[in-house]
Amino acid sequence: MAQYFEVHPETPQPRLIKQAVEILADGGVIAYPTDSSYALGCRMGEKQALERIRAIRQLDGNHNFTVACKDLKDIGTYAKMENFAYRLLKSHTPGPYTFILRATSEVPRRLQHPKRKTIGIRVPDHPVARALTETLDEPLMSVTLQMPGDSEPLNDPEDIRDKLEKRIDAVVAGGPVGGGPSSVIDLTGDSAEVVRQGVGDTRVFQGA
C-alpha cells in the first residue's frame, strides 16, 4: 500500500519530503506534482523501479524518459547542449517544458532513446518537485502520470492513490495540479522543434 504524504504545495514540510526521499533512495516509485501534471518518479539507477514505471504506463522501448533536474547546472551533467540550446534553457527553466537533448555518458543507457541516444530534461517550476530533487541531491527519473487509454494525465492525488496504491510506494500529495503534460521541445538539431504542445507556451521557440 502506498504511503500518502500531504505536503503544502508552496512550502512543503521538510520532514515529509525527507520521508519521500528515503523511499526513493530505497528503490521506490513515487507520484509527485510538477508545474504541468503529476508524474511518476524514481532514482535514475534503479532498474526495477524503472521497469515498474514502464509496466504502469505500458511504455515500449522507444519512449523518451525525462530527467527532472533542480537547476541548469544539473542539466549540463546529463545532456549535451549547443550554444543556442543553452540560451533557450537558461531563458525557459524552470518551467513546464521538456527539452529533448543528446544524453551524456552520465545517463544510464536504458533511460536513453535506443536509436537517437537522447533524453528528456525538465526543471519543474513547482516547490514540491524542487524540494524532492534538492533533498535527494540528484535528478529524478520522471514520466508524466498518464494511464494507458487516458487522454489526460492524473492530476488529483486522491485519484492517484485510488488507482495506484498497490503499484507505487508513495503519493506526494501537493494538491491538485492542472493543465496537462509539459510541452516538448527538441533541441538536438540546428534549431528548436516543437514536438508536443502542452502546458507551456511554445510560440517562443518558433524559429529559435
N, C-alpha and C. Protein backbone atom coordinates (compact mmCIF):
# COMPACT_ATOMS: atom_id res chain seq x y z
N MET A 1 0.84 -1.19 0.00
CA MET A 1 0.00 0.00 0.00
C MET A 1 0.88 1.25 0.00
N ALA A 2 0.58 2.18 -0.88
CA ALA A 2 1.38 3.39 -1.00
C ALA A 2 1.19 4.28 0.22
N GLN A 3 2.29 4.84 0.70
CA GLN A 3 2.19 5.87 1.72
C GLN A 3 1.66 7.15 1.08
N TYR A 4 1.00 7.97 1.90
CA TYR A 4 0.35 9.18 1.37
C TYR A 4 0.83 10.36 2.20
N PHE A 5 1.62 11.23 1.57
CA PHE A 5 2.18 12.38 2.27
C PHE A 5 1.47 13.65 1.80
N GLU A 6 0.72 14.26 2.67
CA GLU A 6 0.06 15.53 2.33
C GLU A 6 1.02 16.68 2.63
N VAL A 7 1.58 17.24 1.58
CA VAL A 7 2.56 18.31 1.75
C VAL A 7 1.97 19.64 1.29
N HIS A 8 2.45 20.71 1.86
CA HIS A 8 1.98 22.03 1.45
C HIS A 8 2.51 22.32 0.05
N PRO A 9 1.66 22.76 -0.89
CA PRO A 9 2.10 22.93 -2.27
C PRO A 9 3.10 24.06 -2.48
N GLU A 10 3.18 25.00 -1.54
CA GLU A 10 4.10 26.12 -1.69
C GLU A 10 5.28 26.06 -0.73
N THR A 11 5.04 25.53 0.46
CA THR A 11 6.13 25.39 1.44
C THR A 11 6.10 23.96 1.99
N PRO A 12 6.53 23.00 1.18
CA PRO A 12 6.47 21.58 1.59
C PRO A 12 7.29 21.33 2.86
N GLN A 13 6.71 20.54 3.75
CA GLN A 13 7.35 20.25 5.03
C GLN A 13 8.59 19.37 4.82
N PRO A 14 9.75 19.83 5.28
CA PRO A 14 11.00 19.07 5.08
C PRO A 14 10.92 17.64 5.62
N ARG A 15 10.22 17.44 6.73
CA ARG A 15 10.12 16.10 7.32
C ARG A 15 9.44 15.13 6.35
N LEU A 16 8.36 15.59 5.71
CA LEU A 16 7.63 14.72 4.79
C LEU A 16 8.41 14.51 3.49
N ILE A 17 9.07 15.56 3.03
CA ILE A 17 9.91 15.42 1.84
C ILE A 17 11.03 14.42 2.10
N LYS A 18 11.62 14.48 3.29
CA LYS A 18 12.70 13.56 3.64
C LYS A 18 12.20 12.11 3.64
N GLN A 19 10.98 11.87 4.13
CA GLN A 19 10.42 10.52 4.13
C GLN A 19 10.22 10.02 2.70
N ALA A 20 9.74 10.90 1.82
CA ALA A 20 9.54 10.51 0.42
C ALA A 20 10.88 10.21 -0.24
N VAL A 21 11.89 11.00 0.08
CA VAL A 21 13.23 10.80 -0.50
C VAL A 21 13.84 9.49 0.00
N GLU A 22 13.57 9.13 1.24
CA GLU A 22 14.05 7.84 1.76
C GLU A 22 13.45 6.68 0.98
N ILE A 23 12.19 6.82 0.58
CA ILE A 23 11.56 5.79 -0.25
C ILE A 23 12.25 5.71 -1.61
N LEU A 24 12.55 6.87 -2.20
CA LEU A 24 13.28 6.89 -3.47
C LEU A 24 14.65 6.24 -3.32
N ALA A 25 15.33 6.57 -2.24
CA ALA A 25 16.68 6.04 -2.01
C ALA A 25 16.67 4.53 -1.84
N ASP A 26 15.55 3.98 -1.37
CA ASP A 26 15.41 2.54 -1.21
C ASP A 26 14.93 1.84 -2.48
N GLY A 27 14.88 2.58 -3.58
CA GLY A 27 14.47 1.99 -4.85
C GLY A 27 12.99 2.08 -5.13
N GLY A 28 12.28 2.96 -4.43
CA GLY A 28 10.84 3.06 -4.58
C GLY A 28 10.40 3.93 -5.75
N VAL A 29 9.11 3.86 -6.03
CA VAL A 29 8.45 4.67 -7.06
C VAL A 29 7.45 5.59 -6.39
N ILE A 30 7.48 6.87 -6.73
CA ILE A 30 6.55 7.82 -6.13
C ILE A 30 5.77 8.55 -7.23
N ALA A 31 4.62 9.08 -6.84
CA ALA A 31 3.90 10.05 -7.67
C ALA A 31 4.09 11.41 -7.01
N TYR A 32 4.39 12.43 -7.81
CA TYR A 32 4.65 13.75 -7.24
C TYR A 32 4.18 14.84 -8.21
N PRO A 33 3.90 16.04 -7.70
CA PRO A 33 3.38 17.11 -8.56
C PRO A 33 4.49 17.90 -9.25
N THR A 34 4.20 18.31 -10.48
CA THR A 34 5.06 19.25 -11.19
C THR A 34 4.20 20.46 -11.58
N ASP A 35 4.79 21.38 -12.33
CA ASP A 35 4.04 22.56 -12.74
C ASP A 35 3.10 22.29 -13.91
N SER A 36 3.10 21.07 -14.45
CA SER A 36 2.18 20.75 -15.53
C SER A 36 1.20 19.64 -15.14
N SER A 37 1.68 18.60 -14.49
CA SER A 37 0.81 17.49 -14.07
C SER A 37 1.55 16.68 -13.01
N TYR A 38 0.89 15.66 -12.48
CA TYR A 38 1.60 14.72 -11.62
C TYR A 38 2.48 13.82 -12.48
N ALA A 39 3.55 13.33 -11.88
CA ALA A 39 4.49 12.47 -12.58
C ALA A 39 4.85 11.28 -11.71
N LEU A 40 5.34 10.22 -12.35
CA LEU A 40 5.93 9.10 -11.63
C LEU A 40 7.43 9.31 -11.61
N GLY A 41 8.06 9.04 -10.47
CA GLY A 41 9.49 9.26 -10.36
C GLY A 41 10.21 8.17 -9.61
N CYS A 42 11.48 7.99 -9.93
CA CYS A 42 12.37 7.07 -9.20
C CYS A 42 13.79 7.56 -9.39
N ARG A 43 14.73 6.96 -8.66
CA ARG A 43 16.14 7.30 -8.86
C ARG A 43 16.60 6.80 -10.23
N MET A 44 17.56 7.49 -10.80
CA MET A 44 17.99 7.18 -12.16
C MET A 44 18.56 5.78 -12.31
N GLY A 45 19.26 5.28 -11.32
CA GLY A 45 19.94 4.00 -11.47
C GLY A 45 19.12 2.78 -11.06
N GLU A 46 17.87 2.99 -10.70
CA GLU A 46 17.05 1.88 -10.17
C GLU A 46 16.31 1.15 -11.30
N LYS A 47 16.91 0.07 -11.77
CA LYS A 47 16.35 -0.65 -12.91
C LYS A 47 14.97 -1.22 -12.61
N GLN A 48 14.79 -1.84 -11.44
CA GLN A 48 13.49 -2.44 -11.11
C GLN A 48 12.40 -1.38 -11.01
N ALA A 49 12.73 -0.23 -10.42
CA ALA A 49 11.76 0.85 -10.31
C ALA A 49 11.37 1.35 -11.71
N LEU A 50 12.35 1.45 -12.58
CA LEU A 50 12.07 1.88 -13.95
C LEU A 50 11.14 0.90 -14.66
N GLU A 51 11.37 -0.39 -14.46
CA GLU A 51 10.51 -1.39 -15.10
C GLU A 51 9.09 -1.34 -14.53
N ARG A 52 8.97 -1.04 -13.26
CA ARG A 52 7.62 -0.88 -12.68
C ARG A 52 6.88 0.29 -13.33
N ILE A 53 7.61 1.39 -13.56
CA ILE A 53 7.00 2.56 -14.22
C ILE A 53 6.62 2.21 -15.65
N ARG A 54 7.50 1.49 -16.34
CA ARG A 54 7.17 1.05 -17.71
C ARG A 54 5.87 0.24 -17.73
N ALA A 55 5.72 -0.65 -16.74
CA ALA A 55 4.53 -1.50 -16.69
C ALA A 55 3.27 -0.68 -16.40
N ILE A 56 3.37 0.27 -15.48
CA ILE A 56 2.20 1.11 -15.15
C ILE A 56 1.76 1.90 -16.38
N ARG A 57 2.72 2.49 -17.07
CA ARG A 57 2.41 3.32 -18.23
C ARG A 57 2.27 2.51 -19.53
N GLN A 58 2.66 1.23 -19.50
CA GLN A 58 2.68 0.38 -20.69
C GLN A 58 3.52 1.03 -21.81
N LEU A 59 4.75 1.38 -21.45
CA LEU A 59 5.65 2.06 -22.37
C LEU A 59 6.52 1.06 -23.11
N ASP A 60 6.77 1.35 -24.38
CA ASP A 60 7.68 0.48 -25.14
C ASP A 60 9.11 1.02 -25.03
N GLY A 61 10.03 0.34 -25.69
CA GLY A 61 11.44 0.68 -25.56
C GLY A 61 11.84 1.97 -26.23
N ASN A 62 10.94 2.57 -27.03
CA ASN A 62 11.27 3.80 -27.74
C ASN A 62 10.85 5.06 -27.01
N HIS A 63 10.33 4.90 -25.80
CA HIS A 63 9.86 6.08 -25.07
C HIS A 63 11.05 6.90 -24.56
N ASN A 64 10.94 8.22 -24.73
CA ASN A 64 11.95 9.13 -24.21
C ASN A 64 11.65 9.43 -22.75
N PHE A 65 12.46 8.91 -21.84
CA PHE A 65 12.27 9.24 -20.43
C PHE A 65 12.81 10.64 -20.14
N THR A 66 12.38 11.19 -19.03
CA THR A 66 12.76 12.55 -18.65
C THR A 66 13.55 12.52 -17.35
N VAL A 67 14.58 13.35 -17.31
CA VAL A 67 15.34 13.56 -16.09
C VAL A 67 14.90 14.91 -15.52
N ALA A 68 14.29 14.88 -14.33
CA ALA A 68 13.85 16.10 -13.68
C ALA A 68 14.99 16.64 -12.82
N CYS A 69 15.54 17.78 -13.23
CA CYS A 69 16.69 18.38 -12.56
C CYS A 69 16.27 19.54 -11.68
N LYS A 70 17.15 19.90 -10.76
CA LYS A 70 16.82 21.01 -9.86
C LYS A 70 17.22 22.36 -10.44
N ASP A 71 18.19 22.37 -11.37
CA ASP A 71 18.62 23.64 -11.94
C ASP A 71 19.41 23.42 -13.23
N LEU A 72 19.82 24.52 -13.84
CA LEU A 72 20.52 24.46 -15.11
C LEU A 72 21.87 23.76 -15.00
N LYS A 73 22.53 23.92 -13.87
CA LYS A 73 23.83 23.27 -13.66
C LYS A 73 23.70 21.76 -13.76
N ASP A 74 22.64 21.21 -13.19
CA ASP A 74 22.40 19.77 -13.27
C ASP A 74 22.26 19.31 -14.71
N ILE A 75 21.60 20.13 -15.54
CA ILE A 75 21.34 19.74 -16.92
C ILE A 75 22.64 19.46 -17.66
N GLY A 76 23.66 20.30 -17.43
CA GLY A 76 24.93 20.14 -18.12
C GLY A 76 25.63 18.82 -17.83
N THR A 77 25.29 18.20 -16.71
CA THR A 77 25.89 16.91 -16.37
C THR A 77 25.29 15.79 -17.20
N TYR A 78 24.02 15.93 -17.58
CA TYR A 78 23.30 14.81 -18.19
C TYR A 78 22.97 15.01 -19.67
N ALA A 79 23.18 16.23 -20.17
CA ALA A 79 22.82 16.49 -21.57
C ALA A 79 23.86 17.38 -22.24
N LYS A 80 24.05 17.14 -23.54
CA LYS A 80 24.95 17.95 -24.35
C LYS A 80 24.14 19.10 -24.97
N MET A 81 24.68 20.31 -24.87
CA MET A 81 23.94 21.48 -25.35
C MET A 81 24.77 22.32 -26.29
N GLU A 82 24.18 22.67 -27.43
CA GLU A 82 24.77 23.70 -28.29
C GLU A 82 24.50 25.05 -27.64
N ASN A 83 25.18 26.08 -28.11
CA ASN A 83 25.02 27.41 -27.51
C ASN A 83 23.58 27.91 -27.57
N PHE A 84 22.90 27.68 -28.72
CA PHE A 84 21.53 28.16 -28.84
C PHE A 84 20.61 27.43 -27.86
N ALA A 85 20.89 26.13 -27.65
CA ALA A 85 20.08 25.34 -26.72
C ALA A 85 20.29 25.83 -25.30
N TYR A 86 21.52 26.13 -24.94
CA TYR A 86 21.81 26.64 -23.60
C TYR A 86 21.07 27.94 -23.35
N ARG A 87 21.07 28.82 -24.32
CA ARG A 87 20.37 30.11 -24.17
C ARG A 87 18.88 29.90 -23.96
N LEU A 88 18.29 28.98 -24.71
CA LEU A 88 16.86 28.71 -24.56
C LEU A 88 16.54 28.11 -23.19
N LEU A 89 17.37 27.17 -22.75
CA LEU A 89 17.14 26.57 -21.44
C LEU A 89 17.30 27.60 -20.32
N LYS A 90 18.29 28.46 -20.47
CA LYS A 90 18.52 29.48 -19.45
C LYS A 90 17.33 30.42 -19.34
N SER A 91 16.68 30.69 -20.48
CA SER A 91 15.54 31.61 -20.51
C SER A 91 14.23 30.97 -20.06
N HIS A 92 14.11 29.64 -20.21
CA HIS A 92 12.81 29.00 -20.02
C HIS A 92 12.80 27.88 -18.98
N THR A 93 13.82 27.86 -18.12
CA THR A 93 13.79 26.96 -16.97
C THR A 93 13.97 27.80 -15.70
N PRO A 94 13.27 27.44 -14.61
CA PRO A 94 12.28 26.35 -14.56
C PRO A 94 11.00 26.73 -15.32
N GLY A 95 10.26 25.71 -15.72
CA GLY A 95 9.03 25.93 -16.46
C GLY A 95 8.43 24.63 -16.94
N PRO A 96 7.24 24.70 -17.55
CA PRO A 96 6.51 23.50 -17.96
C PRO A 96 6.95 22.93 -19.30
N TYR A 97 8.26 22.81 -19.48
CA TYR A 97 8.81 22.31 -20.74
C TYR A 97 9.71 21.10 -20.52
N THR A 98 9.64 20.16 -21.45
CA THR A 98 10.60 19.06 -21.51
C THR A 98 11.44 19.26 -22.76
N PHE A 99 12.75 19.31 -22.59
CA PHE A 99 13.66 19.53 -23.71
C PHE A 99 14.35 18.22 -24.07
N ILE A 100 14.28 17.86 -25.35
CA ILE A 100 14.97 16.67 -25.84
C ILE A 100 16.39 17.07 -26.23
N LEU A 101 17.37 16.44 -25.58
CA LEU A 101 18.78 16.75 -25.81
C LEU A 101 19.56 15.44 -25.95
N ARG A 102 20.75 15.54 -26.49
CA ARG A 102 21.60 14.36 -26.59
C ARG A 102 22.16 14.04 -25.20
N ALA A 103 22.08 12.78 -24.82
CA ALA A 103 22.48 12.36 -23.47
C ALA A 103 23.99 12.26 -23.36
N THR A 104 24.50 12.57 -22.18
CA THR A 104 25.91 12.33 -21.88
C THR A 104 26.07 10.91 -21.33
N SER A 105 27.31 10.52 -21.09
CA SER A 105 27.58 9.18 -20.56
C SER A 105 27.08 9.02 -19.12
N GLU A 106 26.70 10.12 -18.47
CA GLU A 106 26.18 10.04 -17.10
C GLU A 106 24.78 9.44 -17.05
N VAL A 107 24.09 9.41 -18.19
CA VAL A 107 22.72 8.91 -18.24
C VAL A 107 22.74 7.42 -18.54
N PRO A 108 22.15 6.58 -17.66
CA PRO A 108 22.09 5.14 -17.95
C PRO A 108 21.48 4.87 -19.32
N ARG A 109 22.05 3.94 -20.05
CA ARG A 109 21.61 3.68 -21.42
C ARG A 109 20.13 3.31 -21.50
N ARG A 110 19.63 2.63 -20.47
CA ARG A 110 18.23 2.21 -20.52
C ARG A 110 17.26 3.39 -20.41
N LEU A 111 17.75 4.57 -20.00
CA LEU A 111 16.91 5.76 -19.95
C LEU A 111 16.93 6.53 -21.26
N GLN A 112 17.91 6.23 -22.12
CA GLN A 112 18.04 6.96 -23.37
C GLN A 112 17.16 6.36 -24.45
N HIS A 113 16.77 7.19 -25.42
CA HIS A 113 16.10 6.67 -26.61
C HIS A 113 17.09 5.72 -27.28
N PRO A 114 16.67 4.47 -27.58
CA PRO A 114 17.64 3.46 -28.02
C PRO A 114 18.34 3.78 -29.33
N LYS A 115 17.69 4.53 -30.22
CA LYS A 115 18.31 4.84 -31.52
C LYS A 115 18.97 6.21 -31.53
N ARG A 116 18.31 7.19 -30.93
CA ARG A 116 18.79 8.56 -31.03
C ARG A 116 19.75 8.94 -29.89
N LYS A 117 19.81 8.12 -28.83
CA LYS A 117 20.66 8.40 -27.67
C LYS A 117 20.34 9.77 -27.05
N THR A 118 19.04 10.02 -26.95
CA THR A 118 18.58 11.30 -26.41
C THR A 118 17.89 11.08 -25.07
N ILE A 119 17.68 12.17 -24.37
CA ILE A 119 16.99 12.14 -23.08
C ILE A 119 16.15 13.40 -22.96
N GLY A 120 15.02 13.28 -22.28
CA GLY A 120 14.22 14.46 -21.97
C GLY A 120 14.75 15.10 -20.68
N ILE A 121 14.80 16.42 -20.66
CA ILE A 121 15.29 17.15 -19.50
C ILE A 121 14.23 18.15 -19.06
N ARG A 122 13.95 18.17 -17.74
CA ARG A 122 12.97 19.12 -17.20
C ARG A 122 13.53 19.79 -15.95
N VAL A 123 13.14 21.04 -15.74
CA VAL A 123 13.35 21.71 -14.45
C VAL A 123 11.97 22.22 -14.04
N PRO A 124 11.19 21.41 -13.32
CA PRO A 124 9.82 21.79 -12.99
C PRO A 124 9.77 23.02 -12.07
N ASP A 125 8.84 23.91 -12.36
CA ASP A 125 8.66 25.10 -11.54
C ASP A 125 7.57 24.81 -10.50
N HIS A 126 7.88 23.89 -9.60
CA HIS A 126 6.93 23.51 -8.54
C HIS A 126 7.73 23.29 -7.26
N PRO A 127 7.33 23.92 -6.15
CA PRO A 127 8.10 23.80 -4.91
C PRO A 127 8.31 22.37 -4.43
N VAL A 128 7.32 21.50 -4.63
CA VAL A 128 7.44 20.11 -4.16
C VAL A 128 8.47 19.36 -5.00
N ALA A 129 8.39 19.49 -6.32
CA ALA A 129 9.36 18.84 -7.19
C ALA A 129 10.77 19.34 -6.88
N ARG A 130 10.89 20.64 -6.66
CA ARG A 130 12.19 21.23 -6.37
C ARG A 130 12.73 20.70 -5.04
N ALA A 131 11.86 20.61 -4.03
CA ALA A 131 12.28 20.10 -2.72
C ALA A 131 12.74 18.65 -2.80
N LEU A 132 12.08 17.85 -3.62
CA LEU A 132 12.45 16.45 -3.77
C LEU A 132 13.84 16.32 -4.40
N THR A 133 14.09 17.04 -5.49
CA THR A 133 15.39 16.92 -6.15
C THR A 133 16.50 17.53 -5.30
N GLU A 134 16.20 18.59 -4.56
CA GLU A 134 17.23 19.19 -3.70
C GLU A 134 17.58 18.28 -2.53
N THR A 135 16.56 17.62 -1.95
CA THR A 135 16.81 16.75 -0.80
C THR A 135 17.48 15.45 -1.24
N LEU A 136 17.04 14.90 -2.37
CA LEU A 136 17.67 13.70 -2.92
C LEU A 136 19.09 14.00 -3.39
N ASP A 137 19.32 15.24 -3.78
CA ASP A 137 20.61 15.72 -4.27
C ASP A 137 21.03 15.02 -5.55
N GLU A 138 20.05 14.68 -6.36
CA GLU A 138 20.29 14.15 -7.70
C GLU A 138 18.98 14.25 -8.46
N PRO A 139 19.02 14.20 -9.78
CA PRO A 139 17.78 14.29 -10.55
C PRO A 139 16.88 13.07 -10.35
N LEU A 140 15.62 13.24 -10.69
CA LEU A 140 14.65 12.15 -10.66
C LEU A 140 14.41 11.65 -12.08
N MET A 141 14.41 10.34 -12.26
CA MET A 141 13.88 9.79 -13.50
C MET A 141 12.37 9.99 -13.43
N SER A 142 11.79 10.57 -14.47
CA SER A 142 10.42 11.02 -14.36
C SER A 142 9.66 10.78 -15.66
N VAL A 143 8.34 10.57 -15.52
CA VAL A 143 7.47 10.43 -16.68
C VAL A 143 6.07 10.89 -16.27
N THR A 144 5.39 11.55 -17.18
CA THR A 144 4.04 12.04 -16.91
C THR A 144 3.13 10.90 -16.45
N LEU A 145 2.32 11.16 -15.44
CA LEU A 145 1.44 10.12 -14.92
C LEU A 145 0.13 10.11 -15.72
N GLN A 146 0.22 9.52 -16.88
CA GLN A 146 -0.95 9.37 -17.75
C GLN A 146 -1.16 7.89 -18.01
N MET A 147 -2.31 7.39 -17.58
CA MET A 147 -2.57 5.96 -17.67
C MET A 147 -2.91 5.54 -19.10
N PRO A 148 -2.61 4.29 -19.47
CA PRO A 148 -2.92 3.80 -20.81
C PRO A 148 -4.41 4.00 -21.14
N GLY A 149 -4.67 4.56 -22.30
CA GLY A 149 -6.04 4.79 -22.74
C GLY A 149 -6.62 6.13 -22.31
N ASP A 150 -5.98 6.81 -21.35
CA ASP A 150 -6.47 8.11 -20.90
C ASP A 150 -5.96 9.21 -21.83
N SER A 151 -6.78 10.26 -22.00
CA SER A 151 -6.38 11.38 -22.86
C SER A 151 -5.66 12.47 -22.08
N GLU A 152 -5.77 12.44 -20.74
CA GLU A 152 -5.13 13.46 -19.90
C GLU A 152 -4.41 12.79 -18.74
N PRO A 153 -3.38 13.45 -18.20
CA PRO A 153 -2.69 12.90 -17.03
C PRO A 153 -3.57 12.92 -15.79
N LEU A 154 -3.21 12.09 -14.80
CA LEU A 154 -3.87 12.14 -13.49
C LEU A 154 -3.32 13.33 -12.72
N ASN A 155 -4.22 14.17 -12.22
CA ASN A 155 -3.79 15.41 -11.57
C ASN A 155 -4.35 15.60 -10.18
N ASP A 156 -5.11 14.61 -9.69
CA ASP A 156 -5.66 14.70 -8.33
C ASP A 156 -5.00 13.60 -7.49
N PRO A 157 -4.31 13.96 -6.41
CA PRO A 157 -3.57 12.95 -5.64
C PRO A 157 -4.45 11.86 -5.04
N GLU A 158 -5.68 12.19 -4.66
CA GLU A 158 -6.55 11.14 -4.11
C GLU A 158 -6.94 10.15 -5.19
N ASP A 159 -7.17 10.64 -6.39
CA ASP A 159 -7.47 9.76 -7.53
C ASP A 159 -6.28 8.86 -7.82
N ILE A 160 -5.08 9.43 -7.74
CA ILE A 160 -3.85 8.65 -7.96
C ILE A 160 -3.74 7.55 -6.92
N ARG A 161 -4.01 7.88 -5.65
CA ARG A 161 -3.94 6.86 -4.60
C ARG A 161 -4.95 5.75 -4.86
N ASP A 162 -6.16 6.10 -5.25
CA ASP A 162 -7.19 5.09 -5.51
C ASP A 162 -6.77 4.13 -6.63
N LYS A 163 -6.13 4.67 -7.67
CA LYS A 163 -5.81 3.86 -8.84
C LYS A 163 -4.48 3.12 -8.73
N LEU A 164 -3.54 3.67 -7.95
CA LEU A 164 -2.18 3.13 -7.97
C LEU A 164 -1.64 2.72 -6.60
N GLU A 165 -2.48 2.69 -5.56
CA GLU A 165 -1.95 2.48 -4.22
C GLU A 165 -1.26 1.14 -4.04
N LYS A 166 -1.53 0.16 -4.89
CA LYS A 166 -0.87 -1.13 -4.79
C LYS A 166 0.30 -1.27 -5.78
N ARG A 167 0.52 -0.24 -6.59
CA ARG A 167 1.54 -0.35 -7.63
C ARG A 167 2.71 0.60 -7.45
N ILE A 168 2.55 1.60 -6.56
CA ILE A 168 3.65 2.52 -6.27
C ILE A 168 3.87 2.55 -4.76
N ASP A 169 4.92 3.22 -4.33
CA ASP A 169 5.30 3.20 -2.92
C ASP A 169 4.84 4.44 -2.15
N ALA A 170 4.60 5.53 -2.84
CA ALA A 170 4.17 6.75 -2.15
C ALA A 170 3.52 7.72 -3.12
N VAL A 171 2.55 8.47 -2.59
CA VAL A 171 1.96 9.60 -3.29
C VAL A 171 2.36 10.85 -2.50
N VAL A 172 3.09 11.75 -3.14
CA VAL A 172 3.43 13.02 -2.51
C VAL A 172 2.35 14.01 -2.95
N ALA A 173 1.38 14.21 -2.09
CA ALA A 173 0.17 14.96 -2.44
C ALA A 173 0.38 16.44 -2.18
N GLY A 174 0.63 17.18 -3.25
CA GLY A 174 0.81 18.62 -3.14
C GLY A 174 -0.39 19.38 -3.68
N GLY A 175 -1.58 18.78 -3.51
CA GLY A 175 -2.79 19.41 -4.01
C GLY A 175 -2.99 19.12 -5.49
N PRO A 176 -4.20 19.40 -6.01
CA PRO A 176 -4.44 19.18 -7.44
C PRO A 176 -3.60 20.12 -8.29
N VAL A 177 -3.14 19.62 -9.42
CA VAL A 177 -2.48 20.47 -10.42
C VAL A 177 -3.24 20.29 -11.72
N GLY A 178 -3.13 21.23 -12.61
CA GLY A 178 -3.93 21.12 -13.83
C GLY A 178 -3.18 21.52 -15.06
N GLY A 179 -3.83 21.35 -16.17
CA GLY A 179 -3.26 21.81 -17.42
C GLY A 179 -2.94 20.70 -18.39
N GLY A 180 -2.28 19.65 -17.92
CA GLY A 180 -1.91 18.56 -18.82
C GLY A 180 -0.42 18.34 -18.83
N PRO A 181 0.08 17.62 -19.81
CA PRO A 181 1.51 17.32 -19.87
C PRO A 181 2.32 18.56 -20.26
N SER A 182 3.63 18.49 -20.07
CA SER A 182 4.51 19.59 -20.46
C SER A 182 4.61 19.67 -21.98
N SER A 183 4.98 20.83 -22.47
CA SER A 183 5.31 20.97 -23.89
C SER A 183 6.70 20.34 -24.10
N VAL A 184 6.88 19.70 -25.25
CA VAL A 184 8.15 19.02 -25.55
C VAL A 184 8.84 19.74 -26.70
N ILE A 185 10.10 20.13 -26.45
CA ILE A 185 10.88 20.87 -27.43
C ILE A 185 12.15 20.09 -27.75
N ASP A 186 12.35 19.74 -29.02
CA ASP A 186 13.54 19.01 -29.44
C ASP A 186 14.65 20.01 -29.78
N LEU A 187 15.78 19.90 -29.06
CA LEU A 187 16.91 20.80 -29.28
C LEU A 187 18.14 20.05 -29.80
N THR A 188 17.93 18.91 -30.44
CA THR A 188 19.05 18.12 -30.92
C THR A 188 19.54 18.56 -32.30
N GLY A 189 18.74 19.35 -33.00
CA GLY A 189 19.13 19.82 -34.33
C GLY A 189 19.74 21.20 -34.29
N ASP A 190 19.67 21.88 -35.43
CA ASP A 190 20.24 23.22 -35.53
C ASP A 190 19.30 24.30 -35.01
N SER A 191 18.03 23.93 -34.79
CA SER A 191 17.05 24.88 -34.27
C SER A 191 16.04 24.12 -33.43
N ALA A 192 15.22 24.85 -32.69
CA ALA A 192 14.21 24.22 -31.83
C ALA A 192 13.05 23.69 -32.65
N GLU A 193 12.58 22.50 -32.28
CA GLU A 193 11.42 21.90 -32.94
C GLU A 193 10.39 21.53 -31.87
N VAL A 194 9.18 22.04 -32.00
CA VAL A 194 8.11 21.72 -31.05
C VAL A 194 7.56 20.34 -31.39
N VAL A 195 7.76 19.39 -30.48
CA VAL A 195 7.32 18.02 -30.70
C VAL A 195 5.91 17.80 -30.14
N ARG A 196 5.61 18.45 -29.02
CA ARG A 196 4.28 18.31 -28.41
C ARG A 196 3.88 19.64 -27.78
N GLN A 197 2.68 20.07 -28.11
CA GLN A 197 2.13 21.26 -27.46
C GLN A 197 1.46 20.85 -26.17
N GLY A 198 1.96 21.34 -25.06
CA GLY A 198 1.38 21.03 -23.76
C GLY A 198 1.06 22.31 -23.02
N VAL A 199 1.40 22.31 -21.73
CA VAL A 199 1.05 23.45 -20.89
C VAL A 199 1.83 24.71 -21.26
N GLY A 200 3.11 24.58 -21.53
CA GLY A 200 3.94 25.74 -21.79
C GLY A 200 3.67 26.38 -23.15
N ASP A 201 3.77 27.69 -23.23
CA ASP A 201 3.62 28.43 -24.48
C ASP A 201 4.80 28.14 -25.38
N THR A 202 4.56 27.59 -26.55
CA THR A 202 5.65 27.19 -27.45
C THR A 202 5.95 28.24 -28.52
N ARG A 203 5.22 29.33 -28.56
CA ARG A 203 5.45 30.34 -29.60
C ARG A 203 6.86 30.91 -29.50
N VAL A 204 7.40 30.93 -28.28
CA VAL A 204 8.74 31.49 -28.10
C VAL A 204 9.83 30.65 -28.76
N PHE A 205 9.50 29.42 -29.12
CA PHE A 205 10.50 28.53 -29.73
C PHE A 205 10.40 28.50 -31.26
N GLN A 206 9.37 29.11 -31.82
CA GLN A 206 9.22 29.11 -33.26
C GLN A 206 10.36 29.91 -33.90
N GLY A 207 11.13 29.24 -34.72
CA GLY A 207 12.24 29.91 -35.40
C GLY A 207 13.47 30.10 -34.54
N ALA A 208 13.45 29.55 -33.30
CA ALA A 208 14.60 29.74 -32.42
C ALA A 208 15.73 28.79 -32.79
